[in-house]
Amino acid sequence: MVHSEQAALRGEPSYVWRAGQERRLQMMARWAQLSDARVLVAGCGIGMYAQKIRQRYTARVDGFDIEFERVRSARAAGLPALTAAGEHIPFAAGSFDTVLSHEVLEHVVDDRRALSEMLRVTRVGGRILLFCPNRWYPFETHGHYWRGTYHFGNTPLINYLPAALRDRLAPHVRAYTARDIHRLLADDRACVVHHQRIFGAYDNIIARLGLPARLLREFLQRCEGTPLDFWALSHFVVVQKR
């Protein structure tokens, strides 16, 4: 599999728009203000979600990312993007109706500080849309290290190991239990209004295998909201600022 030089530290942003991205965008629109809103994409990558939100909802969208090359790509696509770290968001307090953090929190140095910053720049009554990895998904999707060498791709069962061993194999990325998420959000300004675990769209597998993989996706997504979503891919958390 091909990956960018930043894959180990930053993960890979969305490069194309397919069923998985579309489904997540619809979830965002259901739970937060996007239409005619001021939206911040925290960790915008090359700007894929930011562009769609701006085009579809006539929102005013800003973004930032820690990787300058990705920011440059986002700017080339017309997104007002800045180079910045999630722990130091370069916007004034209360600036945004909605803040999106899509599979980014697991990569920052200080996830608690990054969440605090997202709360700071969200207006009172505004919402944060947070997607992040589920610890109990059977694969670590960000690869692993073995004897000092990074191996890109899905690695089975790493996240089921005790934390000390898991963090030696995957020191570059976090994965969260539901309890971890709620501990991070133990902030007087934060009110969790929705939390669910979601399965992936498996677009790459469907492109190779066709109908059987499509039926599997449909079955797994129907399992959301049941005990079987314990093994889902990601958490989707909606946080309202008090």
Protein backbone atom coordinates (compact mmCIF):
# COMPACT_ATOMS: atom_id res chain seq x y z
CA MET A 1 0.00 0.00 0.00
CA VAL A 2 1.19 3.51 -0.77
CA HIS A 3 1.24 6.12 1.97
CA SER A 4 2.53 9.64 2.45
CA GLU A 5 5.60 10.53 4.49
CA GLN A 6 3.33 11.91 7.22
CA ALA A 7 1.24 8.73 7.56
CA ALA A 8 2.83 7.52 10.79
CA LEU A 9 2.46 10.79 12.70
CA ARG A 10 -0.60 12.34 11.07
CA GLY A 11 -2.58 9.56 9.42
CA GLU A 12 -3.92 9.97 5.91
CA PRO A 13 -6.56 12.61 5.13
CA SER A 14 -9.49 12.01 2.80
CA TYR A 15 -8.22 12.27 -0.78
CA VAL A 16 -11.44 11.24 -2.58
CA TRP A 17 -15.17 11.57 -1.93
CA ARG A 18 -17.04 8.30 -1.69
CA ALA A 19 -19.88 6.66 0.23
CA GLY A 20 -18.04 6.74 3.55
CA GLN A 21 -17.34 10.46 3.44
CA GLU A 22 -20.88 11.21 2.25
CA ARG A 23 -22.42 9.24 5.10
CA ARG A 24 -20.34 11.06 7.68
CA LEU A 25 -21.19 14.44 6.22
CA GLN A 26 -24.89 13.62 6.52
CA MET A 27 -24.34 12.70 10.17
CA MET A 28 -22.63 16.04 10.74
CA ALA A 29 -25.50 17.94 9.14
CA ARG A 30 -28.01 16.10 11.32
CA TRP A 31 -26.32 17.01 14.59
CA ALA A 32 -24.88 20.50 14.10
CA GLN A 33 -25.45 23.74 12.27
CA LEU A 34 -23.78 23.77 8.87
CA SER A 35 -26.10 25.87 6.74
CA ASP A 36 -25.13 29.55 6.74
CA ALA A 37 -22.84 28.83 9.68
CA ARG A 38 -19.27 29.63 10.56
CA VAL A 39 -17.47 26.27 10.63
CA LEU A 40 -13.92 25.33 11.63
CA VAL A 41 -12.31 22.11 10.42
CA ALA A 42 -9.63 21.26 12.97
CA GLY A 43 -7.01 19.19 11.18
CA CYS A 44 -8.40 19.89 7.72
CA GLY A 45 -5.89 17.80 5.73
CA ILE A 46 -6.16 18.79 2.08
CA GLY A 47 -9.60 20.29 2.70
CA MET A 48 -11.95 17.59 1.42
CA TYR A 49 -14.65 17.93 4.11
CA ALA A 50 -14.23 21.70 4.27
CA GLN A 51 -14.88 22.06 0.55
CA LYS A 52 -18.01 19.91 0.66
CA ILE A 53 -19.43 21.77 3.67
CA ARG A 54 -18.84 25.12 2.01
CA GLN A 55 -20.28 24.06 -1.35
CA ARG A 56 -23.33 22.27 -0.03
CA TYR A 57 -24.31 24.40 2.95
CA THR A 58 -23.05 27.86 1.93
CA ALA A 59 -21.12 27.92 5.16
CA ARG A 60 -18.15 30.12 5.94
CA VAL A 61 -15.47 27.51 6.51
CA ASP A 62 -11.98 27.92 7.94
CA GLY A 63 -9.43 25.20 8.52
CA PHE A 64 -6.03 24.50 9.92
CA ASP A 65 -3.60 21.62 9.85
CA ILE A 66 -0.18 21.03 11.36
CA GLU A 67 1.30 19.87 8.04
CA PHE A 68 2.18 22.78 5.75
CA GLU A 69 2.07 20.69 2.56
CA ARG A 70 -1.51 19.68 3.28
CA VAL A 71 -2.43 23.28 4.09
CA ARG A 72 -0.95 24.36 0.79
CA SER A 73 -3.14 21.82 -1.03
CA ALA A 74 -6.20 23.06 0.86
CA ARG A 75 -5.40 26.66 -0.05
CA ALA A 76 -4.95 25.70 -3.70
CA ALA A 77 -8.52 24.38 -3.58
CA GLY A 78 -9.71 27.74 -2.25
CA LEU A 79 -9.98 26.98 1.47
CA PRO A 80 -8.81 29.67 3.93
CA ALA A 81 -6.41 27.38 5.82
CA LEU A 82 -3.67 28.05 8.34
CA THR A 83 -0.74 26.00 9.57
CA ALA A 84 -1.26 25.43 13.29
CA ALA A 85 -1.36 22.79 16.02
CA GLY A 86 -4.60 21.67 17.62
CA GLU A 87 -3.32 22.66 21.05
CA HIS A 88 -3.01 26.31 19.92
CA ILE A 89 -5.92 27.15 17.61
CA PRO A 90 -5.29 30.59 16.04
CA PHE A 91 -8.84 31.97 16.35
CA ALA A 92 -10.62 34.08 18.93
CA ALA A 93 -12.88 32.59 21.60
CA GLY A 94 -16.45 31.94 20.52
CA SER A 95 -15.71 32.33 16.81
CA PHE A 96 -17.50 29.27 15.41
CA ASP A 97 -20.97 27.75 15.33
CA THR A 98 -19.54 24.30 14.59
CA VAL A 99 -16.09 22.73 14.94
CA LEU A 100 -15.28 19.46 13.16
CA SER A 101 -12.47 17.18 14.30
CA HIS A 102 -12.47 14.20 11.95
CA GLU A 103 -10.08 11.39 12.98
CA VAL A 104 -7.52 13.92 14.19
CA LEU A 105 -7.62 13.87 18.00
CA GLU A 106 -5.71 10.57 18.16
CA HIS A 107 -2.69 12.21 16.50
CA VAL A 108 -2.22 15.39 18.53
CA VAL A 109 0.42 15.60 21.26
CA ASP A 110 -2.05 16.64 23.98
CA ASP A 111 -5.61 15.52 23.24
CA ARG A 112 -7.07 17.11 26.38
CA ARG A 113 -5.57 20.50 25.48
CA ALA A 114 -6.79 20.16 21.88
CA LEU A 115 -10.36 19.53 23.06
CA SER A 116 -10.12 22.48 25.43
CA GLU A 117 -9.06 24.68 22.52
CA MET A 118 -11.96 23.46 20.39
CA LEU A 119 -14.32 24.36 23.22
CA ARG A 120 -12.71 27.79 23.54
CA VAL A 121 -13.28 28.76 19.89
CA THR A 122 -16.86 27.38 19.82
CA ARG A 123 -19.64 29.83 20.67
CA VAL A 124 -21.92 29.09 23.62
CA GLY A 125 -24.61 26.75 22.28
CA GLY A 126 -22.39 25.73 19.35
CA ARG A 127 -21.26 22.17 18.79
CA ILE A 128 -18.13 20.11 18.26
CA LEU A 129 -18.37 17.09 15.96
CA LEU A 130 -15.76 14.56 17.00
CA PHE A 131 -14.79 11.38 15.15
CA CYS A 132 -12.01 9.24 16.64
CA PRO A 133 -10.91 5.56 16.66
CA ASN A 134 -12.66 2.95 18.77
CA ARG A 135 -10.19 0.98 20.90
CA TRP A 136 -12.12 -2.26 20.36
CA TYR A 137 -12.13 -2.27 16.58
CA PRO A 138 -10.28 -5.51 15.66
CA PHE A 139 -7.64 -3.68 13.58
CA GLU A 140 -5.30 -0.79 14.26
CA THR A 141 -5.81 1.15 11.03
CA HIS A 142 -2.78 3.42 11.47
CA GLY A 143 -0.15 0.71 11.14
CA HIS A 144 2.46 -0.20 13.72
CA TYR A 145 6.16 -0.11 14.53
CA TRP A 146 8.31 -3.22 14.74
CA ARG A 147 11.98 -2.97 15.66
CA GLY A 148 12.02 0.71 14.84
CA THR A 149 10.43 0.36 11.40
CA TYR A 150 6.98 1.71 10.59
CA HIS A 151 4.60 -0.66 8.81
CA PHE A 152 1.61 1.01 7.16
CA GLY A 153 -1.79 -0.65 6.98
CA ASN A 154 -4.32 -2.50 9.12
CA THR A 155 -2.78 -4.53 11.92
CA PRO A 156 -5.03 -7.02 13.75
CA LEU A 157 -5.57 -7.13 17.51
CA ILE A 158 -2.94 -4.57 18.60
CA ASN A 159 -5.55 -2.55 20.47
CA TYR A 160 -6.58 -5.61 22.50
CA LEU A 161 -3.15 -5.80 24.13
CA PRO A 162 -2.42 -4.26 27.55
CA ALA A 163 -1.82 -0.54 27.19
CA ALA A 164 1.92 -0.69 27.88
CA LEU A 165 2.48 -3.25 25.11
CA ARG A 166 -0.03 -1.69 22.74
CA ASP A 167 1.69 1.68 23.05
CA ARG A 168 5.07 0.17 22.19
CA LEU A 169 3.68 -1.17 18.93
CA ALA A 170 1.57 1.91 18.14
CA PRO A 171 3.18 4.84 19.96
CA HIS A 172 2.20 7.21 17.16
CA VAL A 173 -1.58 7.06 17.60
CA ARG A 174 -4.26 6.66 20.26
CA ALA A 175 -7.47 4.65 20.28
CA TYR A 176 -10.31 5.40 22.67
CA THR A 177 -12.85 3.51 24.70
CA ALA A 178 -16.15 5.21 25.46
CA ARG A 179 -14.91 5.79 28.99
CA ASP A 180 -11.76 7.46 27.65
CA ILE A 181 -13.86 9.87 25.62
CA HIS A 182 -16.04 10.89 28.53
CA ARG A 183 -13.02 11.38 30.78
CA LEU A 184 -11.52 13.72 28.18
CA LEU A 185 -14.75 15.67 28.09
CA ALA A 186 -14.94 16.16 31.85
CA ASP A 187 -15.07 19.92 31.38
CA ASP A 188 -17.69 22.28 32.80
CA ARG A 189 -18.10 23.81 29.34
CA ALA A 190 -18.83 20.50 27.59
CA CYS A 191 -22.16 18.69 27.35
CA VAL A 192 -22.25 15.43 25.37
CA VAL A 193 -25.55 15.42 23.48
CA HIS A 194 -24.90 12.35 21.33
CA HIS A 195 -22.40 9.48 21.30
CA GLN A 196 -22.48 6.45 19.06
CA ARG A 197 -20.05 3.96 17.60
CA ILE A 198 -20.07 3.64 13.81
CA PHE A 199 -18.75 1.07 11.37
CA GLY A 200 -16.80 2.04 8.29
CA ALA A 201 -17.94 2.26 4.68
CA TYR A 202 -15.29 -0.17 3.40
CA ASP A 203 -15.25 1.50 0.00
CA ASN A 204 -11.88 -0.02 -0.99
CA ILE A 205 -13.09 -3.54 -0.21
CA ILE A 206 -16.34 -2.97 -2.09
CA ALA A 207 -14.38 -1.74 -5.11
CA ARG A 208 -12.54 -5.09 -5.16
CA LEU A 209 -15.24 -7.55 -4.11
CA GLY A 210 -18.47 -5.91 -5.17
CA LEU A 211 -21.85 -7.13 -3.93
CA PRO A 212 -20.71 -9.44 -1.06
CA ALA A 213 -18.74 -6.59 0.51
CA ARG A 214 -21.63 -4.18 -0.05
CA LEU A 215 -23.98 -6.55 1.79
CA LEU A 216 -21.49 -6.87 4.63
CA ARG A 217 -21.33 -3.08 4.95
CA GLU A 218 -25.10 -2.86 5.07
CA PHE A 219 -25.25 -5.53 7.77
CA LEU A 220 -22.55 -3.88 9.91
CA GLN A 221 -24.08 -0.43 9.68
CA ARG A 222 -27.43 -1.90 10.73
CA CYS A 223 -25.65 -3.18 13.84
CA GLU A 224 -24.96 0.37 15.01
CA GLY A 225 -26.92 1.04 18.17
CA THR A 226 -26.79 -2.64 19.17
CA PRO A 227 -24.27 -4.44 21.41
CA LEU A 228 -22.39 -5.46 18.25
CA ASP A 229 -21.19 -1.92 17.69
CA PHE A 230 -18.73 -2.54 20.54
CA TRP A 231 -16.41 -3.57 17.66
CA ALA A 232 -17.21 -0.61 15.40
CA LEU A 233 -14.55 1.46 13.69
CA SER A 234 -15.03 4.90 15.23
CA HIS A 235 -16.73 6.98 17.87
CA PHE A 236 -18.96 9.82 16.75
CA VAL A 237 -19.46 12.32 19.57
CA VAL A 238 -21.46 15.54 19.51
CA VAL A 239 -20.47 18.05 22.17
CA GLN A 240 -22.40 21.24 22.90
CA LYS A 241 -20.70 24.15 24.61
CA ARG A 242 -22.52 25.27 27.72
